[in-house]
Amino acid sequence: MAAAPDGSFHYEVEKSTDEIAGKVTNVKFHGRLVSDTSGEIKELVKPLIAAGGRILLDLSDVNYLDSSGLGTLVGLKVSAIKEGYCRLELVNLSPRVQELLRLTNLKQLFSS
């Protein structure tokens, strides 16, 4: 687990194996996904994409997502699609994040 100095952002990573999906990595984010935390998110998830498997980004405890945070998630999804080694999914979206994805026409990107 890593935490920002003010405690506003942190995450937990849990790795497991599923008989059907193979390697599964669950990353649960807490706090704010904003420009200040975008670099840390990329540093965490990029190597997971290269390692392959199924990556679940759990946003159930994300209380704020700005355009930089959203851009980071889109970039990671595009990287996962390009690499072809893994399946990156957003899970446990709050109603606010769901609405943001709908308004930005990104809901379909993250449902594939």
Protein backbone atom coordinates (compact mmCIF):
# COMPACT_ATOMS: atom_id res chain seq x y z
CA MET A 1 0.00 0.00 0.00
CA ALA A 2 1.19 3.53 -0.77
CA ALA A 3 -0.15 6.76 0.64
CA ALA A 4 0.12 10.41 -0.21
CA PRO A 5 1.69 12.60 2.50
CA ASP A 6 -1.67 14.09 3.44
CA GLY A 7 -3.42 10.70 3.37
CA SER A 8 -5.86 11.79 0.64
CA PHE A 9 -4.85 9.03 -1.79
CA HIS A 10 -3.76 5.45 -1.30
CA TYR A 11 -4.28 2.04 -2.84
CA GLU A 12 -4.16 -1.65 -2.09
CA VAL A 13 -2.99 -4.31 -4.53
CA GLU A 14 -4.18 -7.89 -4.24
CA LYS A 15 -2.98 -10.61 -6.61
CA SER A 16 -4.69 -13.94 -7.11
CA THR A 17 -5.30 -16.63 -9.68
CA ASP A 18 -8.62 -17.56 -11.21
CA GLU A 19 -9.21 -20.88 -13.01
CA ILE A 20 -10.92 -19.15 -15.93
CA ALA A 21 -9.19 -15.76 -16.16
CA GLY A 22 -5.73 -16.84 -14.95
CA LYS A 23 -3.76 -14.12 -13.18
CA VAL A 24 -6.00 -11.47 -11.55
CA THR A 25 -4.75 -8.25 -9.96
CA ASN A 26 -7.20 -6.13 -7.99
CA VAL A 27 -6.14 -2.54 -7.30
CA LYS A 28 -8.44 -0.69 -4.90
CA PHE A 29 -8.02 3.07 -4.96
CA HIS A 30 -8.98 5.29 -2.04
CA GLY A 31 -9.37 9.06 -2.12
CA ARG A 32 -8.86 11.38 -5.04
CA LEU A 33 -7.73 10.44 -8.56
CA VAL A 34 -6.46 13.84 -9.67
CA SER A 35 -3.48 15.42 -11.44
CA ASP A 36 -1.35 15.09 -8.28
CA THR A 37 -1.90 11.32 -8.15
CA SER A 38 -1.95 10.50 -11.90
CA GLY A 39 1.78 9.78 -12.09
CA GLU A 40 1.64 7.40 -9.15
CA ILE A 41 -1.32 5.56 -10.71
CA LYS A 42 0.56 5.16 -14.01
CA GLU A 43 3.71 3.92 -12.24
CA LEU A 44 1.62 1.32 -10.43
CA VAL A 45 -0.55 0.04 -13.28
CA LYS A 46 1.78 0.15 -16.34
CA PRO A 47 3.96 -2.77 -15.11
CA LEU A 48 0.79 -4.74 -14.33
CA ILE A 49 -0.34 -4.31 -17.94
CA ALA A 50 3.01 -5.60 -19.21
CA ALA A 51 2.72 -8.62 -16.89
CA GLY A 52 -0.64 -9.57 -18.41
CA GLY A 53 -3.73 -11.16 -16.90
CA ARG A 54 -6.88 -9.45 -15.70
CA ILE A 55 -6.54 -6.10 -13.90
CA LEU A 56 -9.46 -4.79 -11.89
CA LEU A 57 -9.31 -1.13 -10.89
CA ASP A 58 -11.74 -0.81 -7.98
CA LEU A 59 -13.05 2.74 -7.70
CA SER A 60 -15.61 2.12 -4.92
CA ASP A 61 -13.76 4.40 -2.49
CA VAL A 62 -12.80 7.13 -4.97
CA ASN A 63 -14.40 10.35 -3.77
CA TYR A 64 -13.18 12.61 -6.58
CA LEU A 65 -12.03 12.11 -10.16
CA ASP A 66 -10.81 15.08 -12.21
CA SER A 67 -9.95 15.30 -15.91
CA SER A 68 -6.33 14.26 -15.27
CA GLY A 69 -7.44 11.21 -13.31
CA LEU A 70 -9.91 10.31 -16.04
CA GLY A 71 -7.24 10.85 -18.70
CA THR A 72 -4.91 8.54 -16.81
CA LEU A 73 -7.55 5.80 -16.70
CA VAL A 74 -8.23 6.22 -20.43
CA GLY A 75 -4.50 6.08 -21.20
CA LEU A 76 -4.10 2.90 -19.17
CA LYS A 77 -7.09 1.30 -20.90
CA VAL A 78 -5.70 2.19 -24.33
CA SER A 79 -2.29 0.78 -23.32
CA ALA A 80 -3.94 -2.45 -22.19
CA ILE A 81 -5.81 -2.74 -25.49
CA LYS A 82 -2.63 -2.04 -27.51
CA GLU A 83 -0.48 -4.46 -25.52
CA GLY A 84 -3.08 -7.19 -25.80
CA TYR A 85 -1.60 -9.04 -22.82
CA CYS A 86 -4.28 -8.16 -20.34
CA ARG A 87 -7.83 -7.10 -19.72
CA LEU A 88 -8.16 -3.89 -17.73
CA GLU A 89 -11.55 -3.21 -16.15
CA LEU A 90 -13.03 -0.55 -13.90
CA VAL A 91 -15.19 -2.08 -11.16
CA ASN A 92 -17.42 -0.86 -8.34
CA LEU A 93 -17.97 2.57 -9.85
CA SER A 94 -19.76 5.15 -7.75
CA PRO A 95 -22.83 6.76 -9.35
CA ARG A 96 -20.79 9.95 -9.77
CA VAL A 97 -18.00 8.18 -11.69
CA GLN A 98 -20.57 6.29 -13.79
CA GLU A 99 -22.21 9.58 -14.71
CA LEU A 100 -18.84 11.13 -15.58
CA LEU A 101 -18.09 8.23 -17.93
CA ARG A 102 -21.53 8.59 -19.50
CA LEU A 103 -21.18 12.36 -19.99
CA THR A 104 -17.74 11.98 -21.59
CA ASN A 105 -18.91 9.10 -23.82
CA LEU A 106 -16.28 6.82 -22.29
CA LYS A 107 -18.63 4.28 -20.76
CA GLN A 108 -18.39 2.01 -23.80
CA LEU A 109 -14.57 2.10 -23.80
CA PHE A 110 -14.47 0.76 -20.25
CA SER A 111 -17.15 -1.86 -20.83
CA SER A 112 -15.06 -3.62 -23.50
